[in-house]
ModelCIF file with pLDDT and N, C-alpha, C, O atoms, coordinates in Angstrom:
data_MODEL
#
_entry.id   MODEL 
#
_entity.id                         1 
_entity.type                       polymer 
_entity.pdbx_number_of_molecules   1 
#
_entity_poly.entity_id                      1 
_entity_poly.type                           'polypeptide(L)' 
_entity_poly.nstd_linkage                   no 
_entity_poly.nstd_monomer                   no 
_entity_poly.pdbx_seq_one_letter_code       
;(UNK)(UNK)(UNK)(UNK)(UNK)(UNK)(UNK)(UNK)(UNK)(UNK)(UNK)(UNK)(UNK)(UNK)(UNK)(UNK)
(UNK)(UNK)(UNK)(UNK)(UNK)(UNK)(UNK)(UNK)(UNK)(UNK)(UNK)(UNK)(UNK)(UNK)(UNK)(UNK)
(UNK)(UNK)(UNK)(UNK)(UNK)
;
_entity_poly.pdbx_seq_one_letter_code_can   XXXXXXXXXXXXXXXXXXXXXXXXXXXXXXXXXXXXX 
_entity_poly.pdbx_strand_id                 A 
#
loop_
_entity_poly_seq.entity_id 
_entity_poly_seq.num 
_entity_poly_seq.mon_id 
_entity_poly_seq.hetero 
1 1  UNK n 
1 2  UNK n 
1 3  UNK n 
1 4  UNK n 
1 5  UNK n 
1 6  UNK n 
1 7  UNK n 
1 8  UNK n 
1 9  UNK n 
1 10 UNK n 
1 11 UNK n 
1 12 UNK n 
1 13 UNK n 
1 14 UNK n 
1 15 UNK n 
1 16 UNK n 
1 17 UNK n 
1 18 UNK n 
1 19 UNK n 
1 20 UNK n 
1 21 UNK n 
1 22 UNK n 
1 23 UNK n 
1 24 UNK n 
1 25 UNK n 
1 26 UNK n 
1 27 UNK n 
1 28 UNK n 
1 29 UNK n 
1 30 UNK n 
1 31 UNK n 
1 32 UNK n 
1 33 UNK n 
1 34 UNK n 
1 35 UNK n 
1 36 UNK n 
1 37 UNK n 
#
_struct_asym.id          A 
_struct_asym.entity_id   1 
#
loop_
_ma_qa_metric.id 
_ma_qa_metric.mode 
_ma_qa_metric.name 
_ma_qa_metric.software_group_id 
_ma_qa_metric.type 
1 global pLDDT . pLDDT 
2 local  pLDDT . pLDDT 
#
_ma_qa_metric_global.metric_id      1 
_ma_qa_metric_global.metric_value   96.24 
_ma_qa_metric_global.model_id       1 
_ma_qa_metric_global.ordinal_id     1 
#
loop_
_ma_qa_metric_local.label_asym_id 
_ma_qa_metric_local.label_comp_id 
_ma_qa_metric_local.label_seq_id 
_ma_qa_metric_local.metric_id 
_ma_qa_metric_local.metric_value 
_ma_qa_metric_local.model_id 
_ma_qa_metric_local.ordinal_id 
A UNK 1  2 98.00 1 1  
A UNK 2  2 96.00 1 2  
A UNK 3  2 92.00 1 3  
A UNK 4  2 91.00 1 4  
A UNK 5  2 88.00 1 5  
A UNK 6  2 92.00 1 6  
A UNK 7  2 95.00 1 7  
A UNK 8  2 97.00 1 8  
A UNK 9  2 96.00 1 9  
A UNK 10 2 97.00 1 10 
A UNK 11 2 98.00 1 11 
A UNK 12 2 98.00 1 12 
A UNK 13 2 98.00 1 13 
A UNK 14 2 98.00 1 14 
A UNK 15 2 98.00 1 15 
A UNK 16 2 97.00 1 16 
A UNK 17 2 97.00 1 17 
A UNK 18 2 96.00 1 18 
A UNK 19 2 94.00 1 19 
A UNK 20 2 91.00 1 20 
A UNK 21 2 92.00 1 21 
A UNK 22 2 95.00 1 22 
A UNK 23 2 97.00 1 23 
A UNK 24 2 98.00 1 24 
A UNK 25 2 98.00 1 25 
A UNK 26 2 97.00 1 26 
A UNK 27 2 97.00 1 27 
A UNK 28 2 98.00 1 28 
A UNK 29 2 98.00 1 29 
A UNK 30 2 98.00 1 30 
A UNK 31 2 98.00 1 31 
A UNK 32 2 98.00 1 32 
A UNK 33 2 98.00 1 33 
A UNK 34 2 98.00 1 34 
A UNK 35 2 98.00 1 35 
A UNK 36 2 98.00 1 36 
A UNK 37 2 98.00 1 37 
#
loop_
_atom_site.group_PDB 
_atom_site.id 
_atom_site.type_symbol 
_atom_site.label_atom_id 
_atom_site.label_alt_id 
_atom_site.label_comp_id 
_atom_site.label_asym_id 
_atom_site.label_entity_id 
_atom_site.label_seq_id 
_atom_site.pdbx_PDB_ins_code 
_atom_site.Cartn_x 
_atom_site.Cartn_y 
_atom_site.Cartn_z 
_atom_site.occupancy 
_atom_site.B_iso_or_equiv 
_atom_site.pdbx_formal_charge 
_atom_site.auth_seq_id 
_atom_site.auth_comp_id 
_atom_site.auth_asym_id 
_atom_site.auth_atom_id 
_atom_site.pdbx_PDB_model_num 
ATOM 1   N N  . UNK A 1 1  ? 152.225 -62.589 -147.495 1.00 98.00 ? 1  UNK A N  1 
ATOM 2   C CA . UNK A 1 1  ? 151.199 -62.554 -148.224 1.00 98.00 ? 1  UNK A CA 1 
ATOM 3   C C  . UNK A 1 1  ? 150.277 -61.542 -147.945 1.00 98.00 ? 1  UNK A C  1 
ATOM 4   O O  . UNK A 1 1  ? 149.260 -61.418 -148.627 1.00 98.00 ? 1  UNK A O  1 
ATOM 5   N N  . UNK A 1 2  ? 150.555 -60.764 -146.950 1.00 96.00 ? 2  UNK A N  1 
ATOM 6   C CA . UNK A 1 2  ? 149.804 -59.423 -146.546 1.00 96.00 ? 2  UNK A CA 1 
ATOM 7   C C  . UNK A 1 2  ? 150.979 -58.373 -146.121 1.00 96.00 ? 2  UNK A C  1 
ATOM 8   O O  . UNK A 1 2  ? 151.919 -58.853 -145.487 1.00 96.00 ? 2  UNK A O  1 
ATOM 9   N N  . UNK A 1 3  ? 151.000 -57.030 -146.406 1.00 92.00 ? 3  UNK A N  1 
ATOM 10  C CA . UNK A 1 3  ? 151.894 -56.051 -146.070 1.00 92.00 ? 3  UNK A CA 1 
ATOM 11  C C  . UNK A 1 3  ? 152.455 -56.127 -144.586 1.00 92.00 ? 3  UNK A C  1 
ATOM 12  O O  . UNK A 1 3  ? 151.652 -55.877 -143.687 1.00 92.00 ? 3  UNK A O  1 
ATOM 13  N N  . UNK A 1 4  ? 153.580 -56.406 -144.297 1.00 91.00 ? 4  UNK A N  1 
ATOM 14  C CA . UNK A 1 4  ? 153.936 -56.412 -142.860 1.00 91.00 ? 4  UNK A CA 1 
ATOM 15  C C  . UNK A 1 4  ? 154.156 -55.113 -142.250 1.00 91.00 ? 4  UNK A C  1 
ATOM 16  O O  . UNK A 1 4  ? 154.403 -54.078 -142.868 1.00 91.00 ? 4  UNK A O  1 
ATOM 17  N N  . UNK A 1 5  ? 154.041 -55.253 -140.892 1.00 88.00 ? 5  UNK A N  1 
ATOM 18  C CA . UNK A 1 5  ? 154.201 -54.021 -139.958 1.00 88.00 ? 5  UNK A CA 1 
ATOM 19  C C  . UNK A 1 5  ? 155.494 -53.471 -139.886 1.00 88.00 ? 5  UNK A C  1 
ATOM 20  O O  . UNK A 1 5  ? 155.682 -52.270 -140.081 1.00 88.00 ? 5  UNK A O  1 
ATOM 21  N N  . UNK A 1 6  ? 156.231 -54.114 -139.670 1.00 92.00 ? 6  UNK A N  1 
ATOM 22  C CA . UNK A 1 6  ? 157.922 -53.934 -139.623 1.00 92.00 ? 6  UNK A CA 1 
ATOM 23  C C  . UNK A 1 6  ? 158.865 -55.202 -140.136 1.00 92.00 ? 6  UNK A C  1 
ATOM 24  O O  . UNK A 1 6  ? 158.648 -56.411 -140.218 1.00 92.00 ? 6  UNK A O  1 
ATOM 25  N N  . UNK A 1 7  ? 159.893 -54.453 -140.410 1.00 95.00 ? 7  UNK A N  1 
ATOM 26  C CA . UNK A 1 7  ? 160.978 -55.541 -140.869 1.00 95.00 ? 7  UNK A CA 1 
ATOM 27  C C  . UNK A 1 7  ? 161.518 -56.284 -139.951 1.00 95.00 ? 7  UNK A C  1 
ATOM 28  O O  . UNK A 1 7  ? 161.970 -55.769 -138.928 1.00 95.00 ? 7  UNK A O  1 
ATOM 29  N N  . UNK A 1 8  ? 161.561 -57.751 -140.190 1.00 97.00 ? 8  UNK A N  1 
ATOM 30  C CA . UNK A 1 8  ? 161.801 -58.830 -139.156 1.00 97.00 ? 8  UNK A CA 1 
ATOM 31  C C  . UNK A 1 8  ? 163.102 -59.488 -139.743 1.00 97.00 ? 8  UNK A C  1 
ATOM 32  O O  . UNK A 1 8  ? 163.254 -59.297 -140.950 1.00 97.00 ? 8  UNK A O  1 
ATOM 33  N N  . UNK A 1 9  ? 163.951 -60.140 -139.180 1.00 96.00 ? 9  UNK A N  1 
ATOM 34  C CA . UNK A 1 9  ? 165.171 -60.567 -139.209 1.00 96.00 ? 9  UNK A CA 1 
ATOM 35  C C  . UNK A 1 9  ? 165.099 -62.230 -138.999 1.00 96.00 ? 9  UNK A C  1 
ATOM 36  O O  . UNK A 1 9  ? 164.312 -62.719 -138.189 1.00 96.00 ? 9  UNK A O  1 
ATOM 37  N N  . UNK A 1 10 ? 165.955 -63.003 -139.771 1.00 97.00 ? 10 UNK A N  1 
ATOM 38  C CA . UNK A 1 10 ? 165.954 -64.325 -139.463 1.00 97.00 ? 10 UNK A CA 1 
ATOM 39  C C  . UNK A 1 10 ? 166.395 -65.412 -140.511 1.00 97.00 ? 10 UNK A C  1 
ATOM 40  O O  . UNK A 1 10 ? 166.553 -64.769 -141.549 1.00 97.00 ? 10 UNK A O  1 
ATOM 41  N N  . UNK A 1 11 ? 166.630 -66.529 -140.728 1.00 98.00 ? 11 UNK A N  1 
ATOM 42  C CA . UNK A 1 11 ? 167.224 -67.164 -141.663 1.00 98.00 ? 11 UNK A CA 1 
ATOM 43  C C  . UNK A 1 11 ? 166.077 -67.253 -142.855 1.00 98.00 ? 11 UNK A C  1 
ATOM 44  O O  . UNK A 1 11 ? 166.292 -67.244 -144.067 1.00 98.00 ? 11 UNK A O  1 
ATOM 45  N N  . UNK A 1 12 ? 164.856 -67.339 -142.210 1.00 98.00 ? 12 UNK A N  1 
ATOM 46  C CA . UNK A 1 12 ? 163.684 -67.285 -143.121 1.00 98.00 ? 12 UNK A CA 1 
ATOM 47  C C  . UNK A 1 12 ? 162.749 -66.498 -142.573 1.00 98.00 ? 12 UNK A C  1 
ATOM 48  O O  . UNK A 1 12 ? 162.511 -66.749 -141.392 1.00 98.00 ? 12 UNK A O  1 
ATOM 49  N N  . UNK A 1 13 ? 162.067 -65.507 -143.130 1.00 98.00 ? 13 UNK A N  1 
ATOM 50  C CA . UNK A 1 13 ? 160.931 -64.586 -142.557 1.00 98.00 ? 13 UNK A CA 1 
ATOM 51  C C  . UNK A 1 13 ? 159.836 -64.747 -143.509 1.00 98.00 ? 13 UNK A C  1 
ATOM 52  O O  . UNK A 1 13 ? 159.858 -64.431 -144.698 1.00 98.00 ? 13 UNK A O  1 
ATOM 53  N N  . UNK A 1 14 ? 158.690 -65.375 -142.727 1.00 98.00 ? 14 UNK A N  1 
ATOM 54  C CA . UNK A 1 14 ? 157.455 -65.540 -143.420 1.00 98.00 ? 14 UNK A CA 1 
ATOM 55  C C  . UNK A 1 14 ? 156.534 -64.699 -142.666 1.00 98.00 ? 14 UNK A C  1 
ATOM 56  O O  . UNK A 1 14 ? 155.921 -65.346 -141.817 1.00 98.00 ? 14 UNK A O  1 
ATOM 57  N N  . UNK A 1 15 ? 156.257 -63.505 -142.707 1.00 98.00 ? 15 UNK A N  1 
ATOM 58  C CA . UNK A 1 15 ? 155.265 -62.796 -142.050 1.00 98.00 ? 15 UNK A CA 1 
ATOM 59  C C  . UNK A 1 15 ? 153.917 -63.279 -142.041 1.00 98.00 ? 15 UNK A C  1 
ATOM 60  O O  . UNK A 1 15 ? 153.258 -63.556 -143.043 1.00 98.00 ? 15 UNK A O  1 
ATOM 61  N N  . UNK A 1 16 ? 153.529 -63.367 -140.782 1.00 97.00 ? 16 UNK A N  1 
ATOM 62  C CA . UNK A 1 16 ? 152.353 -63.927 -140.250 1.00 97.00 ? 16 UNK A CA 1 
ATOM 63  C C  . UNK A 1 16 ? 151.153 -63.003 -140.923 1.00 97.00 ? 16 UNK A C  1 
ATOM 64  O O  . UNK A 1 16 ? 151.184 -61.807 -140.634 1.00 97.00 ? 16 UNK A O  1 
ATOM 65  N N  . UNK A 1 17 ? 150.065 -63.484 -141.830 1.00 97.00 ? 17 UNK A N  1 
ATOM 66  C CA . UNK A 1 17 ? 149.107 -62.440 -142.407 1.00 97.00 ? 17 UNK A CA 1 
ATOM 67  C C  . UNK A 1 17 ? 148.263 -61.934 -141.589 1.00 97.00 ? 17 UNK A C  1 
ATOM 68  O O  . UNK A 1 17 ? 147.598 -60.938 -141.875 1.00 97.00 ? 17 UNK A O  1 
ATOM 69  N N  . UNK A 1 18 ? 148.189 -62.504 -140.557 1.00 96.00 ? 18 UNK A N  1 
ATOM 70  C CA . UNK A 1 18 ? 147.150 -61.896 -139.465 1.00 96.00 ? 18 UNK A CA 1 
ATOM 71  C C  . UNK A 1 18 ? 147.930 -61.030 -138.288 1.00 96.00 ? 18 UNK A C  1 
ATOM 72  O O  . UNK A 1 18 ? 147.389 -60.397 -137.382 1.00 96.00 ? 18 UNK A O  1 
ATOM 73  N N  . UNK A 1 19 ? 149.190 -61.156 -138.517 1.00 94.00 ? 19 UNK A N  1 
ATOM 74  C CA . UNK A 1 19 ? 149.968 -60.091 -137.320 1.00 94.00 ? 19 UNK A CA 1 
ATOM 75  C C  . UNK A 1 19 ? 151.187 -59.971 -138.045 1.00 94.00 ? 19 UNK A C  1 
ATOM 76  O O  . UNK A 1 19 ? 152.045 -60.852 -138.000 1.00 94.00 ? 19 UNK A O  1 
ATOM 77  N N  . UNK A 1 20 ? 151.314 -58.884 -138.740 1.00 91.00 ? 20 UNK A N  1 
ATOM 78  C CA . UNK A 1 20 ? 152.624 -58.449 -139.390 1.00 91.00 ? 20 UNK A CA 1 
ATOM 79  C C  . UNK A 1 20 ? 153.905 -58.174 -138.604 1.00 91.00 ? 20 UNK A C  1 
ATOM 80  O O  . UNK A 1 20 ? 154.961 -57.753 -139.077 1.00 91.00 ? 20 UNK A O  1 
ATOM 81  N N  . UNK A 1 21 ? 153.647 -58.481 -137.314 1.00 92.00 ? 21 UNK A N  1 
ATOM 82  C CA . UNK A 1 21 ? 154.918 -58.009 -136.182 1.00 92.00 ? 21 UNK A CA 1 
ATOM 83  C C  . UNK A 1 21 ? 155.442 -59.609 -136.073 1.00 92.00 ? 21 UNK A C  1 
ATOM 84  O O  . UNK A 1 21 ? 156.397 -59.707 -135.302 1.00 92.00 ? 21 UNK A O  1 
ATOM 85  N N  . UNK A 1 22 ? 155.109 -60.608 -136.552 1.00 95.00 ? 22 UNK A N  1 
ATOM 86  C CA . UNK A 1 22 ? 155.384 -62.091 -136.165 1.00 95.00 ? 22 UNK A CA 1 
ATOM 87  C C  . UNK A 1 22 ? 155.711 -62.457 -137.261 1.00 95.00 ? 22 UNK A C  1 
ATOM 88  O O  . UNK A 1 22 ? 155.146 -62.113 -138.299 1.00 95.00 ? 22 UNK A O  1 
ATOM 89  N N  . UNK A 1 23 ? 156.894 -63.383 -137.161 1.00 97.00 ? 23 UNK A N  1 
ATOM 90  C CA . UNK A 1 23 ? 157.493 -64.355 -138.219 1.00 97.00 ? 23 UNK A CA 1 
ATOM 91  C C  . UNK A 1 23 ? 157.192 -65.776 -137.787 1.00 97.00 ? 23 UNK A C  1 
ATOM 92  O O  . UNK A 1 23 ? 157.654 -66.379 -136.819 1.00 97.00 ? 23 UNK A O  1 
ATOM 93  N N  . UNK A 1 24 ? 156.275 -66.212 -138.751 1.00 98.00 ? 24 UNK A N  1 
ATOM 94  C CA . UNK A 1 24 ? 155.829 -67.962 -138.585 1.00 98.00 ? 24 UNK A CA 1 
ATOM 95  C C  . UNK A 1 24 ? 156.915 -68.712 -138.707 1.00 98.00 ? 24 UNK A C  1 
ATOM 96  O O  . UNK A 1 24 ? 156.934 -69.756 -138.055 1.00 98.00 ? 24 UNK A O  1 
ATOM 97  N N  . UNK A 1 25 ? 157.948 -68.414 -139.467 1.00 98.00 ? 25 UNK A N  1 
ATOM 98  C CA . UNK A 1 25 ? 159.193 -69.175 -139.535 1.00 98.00 ? 25 UNK A CA 1 
ATOM 99  C C  . UNK A 1 25 ? 160.331 -68.949 -138.648 1.00 98.00 ? 25 UNK A C  1 
ATOM 100 O O  . UNK A 1 25 ? 161.475 -69.313 -138.918 1.00 98.00 ? 25 UNK A O  1 
ATOM 101 N N  . UNK A 1 26 ? 159.970 -68.312 -137.533 1.00 97.00 ? 26 UNK A N  1 
ATOM 102 C CA . UNK A 1 26 ? 161.112 -67.866 -136.578 1.00 97.00 ? 26 UNK A CA 1 
ATOM 103 C C  . UNK A 1 26 ? 161.776 -69.106 -135.838 1.00 97.00 ? 26 UNK A C  1 
ATOM 104 O O  . UNK A 1 26 ? 162.765 -69.003 -135.113 1.00 97.00 ? 26 UNK A O  1 
ATOM 105 N N  . UNK A 1 27 ? 161.046 -70.396 -136.137 1.00 97.00 ? 27 UNK A N  1 
ATOM 106 C CA . UNK A 1 27 ? 161.586 -71.535 -135.608 1.00 97.00 ? 27 UNK A CA 1 
ATOM 107 C C  . UNK A 1 27 ? 162.627 -72.268 -136.526 1.00 97.00 ? 27 UNK A C  1 
ATOM 108 O O  . UNK A 1 27 ? 163.354 -73.175 -136.119 1.00 97.00 ? 27 UNK A O  1 
ATOM 109 N N  . UNK A 1 28 ? 162.619 -71.789 -137.781 1.00 98.00 ? 28 UNK A N  1 
ATOM 110 C CA . UNK A 1 28 ? 163.109 -72.481 -138.890 1.00 98.00 ? 28 UNK A CA 1 
ATOM 111 C C  . UNK A 1 28 ? 164.932 -72.065 -138.819 1.00 98.00 ? 28 UNK A C  1 
ATOM 112 O O  . UNK A 1 28 ? 165.414 -70.961 -139.071 1.00 98.00 ? 28 UNK A O  1 
ATOM 113 N N  . UNK A 1 29 ? 165.560 -73.112 -138.470 1.00 98.00 ? 29 UNK A N  1 
ATOM 114 C CA . UNK A 1 29 ? 167.245 -72.980 -138.281 1.00 98.00 ? 29 UNK A CA 1 
ATOM 115 C C  . UNK A 1 29 ? 167.687 -72.836 -139.699 1.00 98.00 ? 29 UNK A C  1 
ATOM 116 O O  . UNK A 1 29 ? 166.917 -73.189 -140.592 1.00 98.00 ? 29 UNK A O  1 
ATOM 117 N N  . UNK A 1 30 ? 168.957 -72.308 -140.005 1.00 98.00 ? 30 UNK A N  1 
ATOM 118 C CA . UNK A 1 30 ? 169.489 -72.135 -141.126 1.00 98.00 ? 30 UNK A CA 1 
ATOM 119 C C  . UNK A 1 30 ? 169.820 -73.387 -141.687 1.00 98.00 ? 30 UNK A C  1 
ATOM 120 O O  . UNK A 1 30 ? 169.920 -73.375 -142.913 1.00 98.00 ? 30 UNK A O  1 
ATOM 121 N N  . UNK A 1 31 ? 170.013 -74.449 -141.127 1.00 98.00 ? 31 UNK A N  1 
ATOM 122 C CA . UNK A 1 31 ? 170.536 -75.953 -141.698 1.00 98.00 ? 31 UNK A CA 1 
ATOM 123 C C  . UNK A 1 31 ? 169.061 -76.522 -142.194 1.00 98.00 ? 31 UNK A C  1 
ATOM 124 O O  . UNK A 1 31 ? 169.026 -77.154 -143.250 1.00 98.00 ? 31 UNK A O  1 
ATOM 125 N N  . UNK A 1 32 ? 167.992 -76.331 -141.532 1.00 98.00 ? 32 UNK A N  1 
ATOM 126 C CA . UNK A 1 32 ? 166.759 -76.825 -141.894 1.00 98.00 ? 32 UNK A CA 1 
ATOM 127 C C  . UNK A 1 32 ? 166.194 -76.103 -142.971 1.00 98.00 ? 32 UNK A C  1 
ATOM 128 O O  . UNK A 1 32 ? 165.492 -76.785 -143.717 1.00 98.00 ? 32 UNK A O  1 
ATOM 129 N N  . UNK A 1 33 ? 166.317 -74.879 -143.256 1.00 98.00 ? 33 UNK A N  1 
ATOM 130 C CA . UNK A 1 33 ? 165.964 -74.051 -144.529 1.00 98.00 ? 33 UNK A CA 1 
ATOM 131 C C  . UNK A 1 33 ? 166.964 -74.683 -145.607 1.00 98.00 ? 33 UNK A C  1 
ATOM 132 O O  . UNK A 1 33 ? 166.465 -75.076 -146.662 1.00 98.00 ? 33 UNK A O  1 
ATOM 133 N N  . UNK A 1 34 ? 168.300 -74.802 -145.418 1.00 98.00 ? 34 UNK A N  1 
ATOM 134 C CA . UNK A 1 34 ? 169.162 -75.376 -146.265 1.00 98.00 ? 34 UNK A CA 1 
ATOM 135 C C  . UNK A 1 34 ? 168.673 -76.950 -146.986 1.00 98.00 ? 34 UNK A C  1 
ATOM 136 O O  . UNK A 1 34 ? 168.639 -77.277 -148.173 1.00 98.00 ? 34 UNK A O  1 
ATOM 137 N N  . UNK A 1 35 ? 168.382 -77.600 -145.951 1.00 98.00 ? 35 UNK A N  1 
ATOM 138 C CA . UNK A 1 35 ? 167.906 -78.980 -146.081 1.00 98.00 ? 35 UNK A CA 1 
ATOM 139 C C  . UNK A 1 35 ? 166.634 -79.160 -147.049 1.00 98.00 ? 35 UNK A C  1 
ATOM 140 O O  . UNK A 1 35 ? 166.477 -80.022 -147.913 1.00 98.00 ? 35 UNK A O  1 
ATOM 141 N N  . UNK A 1 36 ? 165.742 -78.089 -146.666 1.00 98.00 ? 36 UNK A N  1 
ATOM 142 C CA . UNK A 1 36 ? 164.642 -78.037 -147.462 1.00 98.00 ? 36 UNK A CA 1 
ATOM 143 C C  . UNK A 1 36 ? 164.797 -77.692 -148.809 1.00 98.00 ? 36 UNK A C  1 
ATOM 144 O O  . UNK A 1 36 ? 164.280 -78.411 -149.665 1.00 98.00 ? 36 UNK A O  1 
ATOM 145 N N  . UNK A 1 37 ? 165.503 -76.588 -149.155 1.00 98.00 ? 37 UNK A N  1 
ATOM 146 C CA . UNK A 1 37 ? 165.874 -76.003 -150.442 1.00 98.00 ? 37 UNK A CA 1 
ATOM 147 C C  . UNK A 1 37 ? 166.687 -77.081 -151.279 1.00 98.00 ? 37 UNK A C  1 
ATOM 148 O O  . UNK A 1 37 ? 167.103 -76.803 -152.404 1.00 98.00 ? 37 UNK A O  1 
#
């Protein structure tokens, strides 16, 4: 939603708009992501 501070990696990366160094979706497992999709 806001410019990230650095590139992060993960099954899903949703940059925290108040802290671009943090992935709000860091807990999301690839299986859970696939289930939601």
